[in-house]
Amino acid sequence: MTNLSGVLRQLKNERQRAQQEVQRIDAALAALSGGNHKRPGNTGTRRLSAEARRKIAAAQRARWAKIKKAA
């Protein structure tokens, strides 16, 4: 049994070293890619519908018209 426990201890040590190496590789990838390559939170982009863009554009044109009229 002593032999098996020694082998088991070696395997656990090797697994720990491998995990540390993976962490170092992840850190290097993050540094090379300019940031964290695992992004939590907002992963998608928000898009406006064409109708919403038209409404926003019309409201902005109205604001500019009001400013130009006052000037």
Protein backbone atom coordinates (compact mmCIF):
# COMPACT_ATOMS: atom_id res chain seq x y z
CA MET A 1 0.00 0.00 0.00
CA THR A 2 2.91 2.34 0.59
CA ASN A 3 3.73 2.23 -3.08
CA LEU A 4 0.17 3.16 -4.06
CA SER A 5 0.05 6.07 -1.62
CA GLY A 6 3.34 7.36 -3.00
CA VAL A 7 2.05 7.16 -6.56
CA LEU A 8 -1.16 8.89 -5.52
CA ARG A 9 0.81 11.69 -3.84
CA GLN A 10 2.93 12.14 -6.98
CA LEU A 11 -0.16 12.32 -9.18
CA LYS A 12 -1.73 14.95 -6.92
CA ASN A 13 1.46 17.02 -7.02
CA GLU A 14 1.60 16.73 -10.80
CA ARG A 15 -2.05 17.78 -11.09
CA GLN A 16 -1.39 20.84 -8.92
CA ARG A 17 1.61 21.82 -11.07
CA ALA A 18 -0.48 21.40 -14.22
CA GLN A 19 -3.24 23.59 -12.80
CA GLN A 20 -0.70 26.30 -11.94
CA GLU A 21 0.72 26.11 -15.46
CA VAL A 22 -2.77 26.51 -16.95
CA GLN A 23 -3.29 29.58 -14.77
CA ARG A 24 0.00 31.06 -16.01
CA ILE A 25 -1.01 30.37 -19.62
CA ASP A 26 -4.39 32.02 -19.05
CA ALA A 27 -2.65 35.07 -17.57
CA ALA A 28 -0.31 35.26 -20.57
CA LEU A 29 -3.23 35.00 -22.99
CA ALA A 30 -5.05 37.76 -21.13
CA ALA A 31 -1.99 40.00 -21.29
CA LEU A 32 -1.46 39.36 -24.99
CA SER A 33 -5.09 39.89 -25.92
CA GLY A 34 -5.18 43.22 -24.09
CA GLY A 35 -7.45 42.17 -21.28
CA ASN A 36 -9.30 39.39 -19.66
CA HIS A 37 -10.37 36.87 -22.29
CA LYS A 38 -13.19 35.65 -20.05
CA ARG A 39 -15.77 38.42 -19.90
CA PRO A 40 -18.54 38.14 -17.37
CA GLY A 41 -21.71 40.14 -17.78
CA ASN A 42 -22.67 41.85 -21.00
CA THR A 43 -21.39 39.67 -23.76
CA GLY A 44 -23.75 40.78 -26.52
CA THR A 45 -24.23 44.15 -28.12
CA ARG A 46 -27.44 46.06 -27.71
CA ARG A 47 -29.12 47.06 -30.94
CA LEU A 48 -31.81 49.60 -31.62
CA SER A 49 -34.64 48.91 -33.97
CA ALA A 50 -34.98 51.11 -37.05
CA GLU A 51 -38.10 52.68 -35.55
CA ALA A 52 -36.28 53.55 -32.32
CA ARG A 53 -33.42 55.12 -34.30
CA ARG A 54 -35.93 57.21 -36.28
CA LYS A 55 -37.58 58.43 -33.06
CA ILE A 56 -34.24 59.37 -31.53
CA ALA A 57 -33.15 61.15 -34.71
CA ALA A 58 -36.43 63.07 -34.90
CA ALA A 59 -36.12 64.13 -31.26
CA GLN A 60 -32.55 65.31 -31.83
CA ARG A 61 -33.57 67.26 -34.94
CA ALA A 62 -36.31 68.92 -32.87
CA ARG A 63 -33.78 69.87 -30.18
CA TRP A 64 -31.41 71.36 -32.76
CA ALA A 65 -34.25 73.25 -34.41
CA LYS A 66 -35.24 74.72 -31.04
CA ILE A 67 -31.63 75.81 -30.36
CA LYS A 68 -31.23 77.33 -33.84
CA LYS A 69 -34.55 79.16 -33.51
CA ALA A 70 -33.47 80.67 -30.18
CA ALA A 71 -30.12 81.84 -31.59
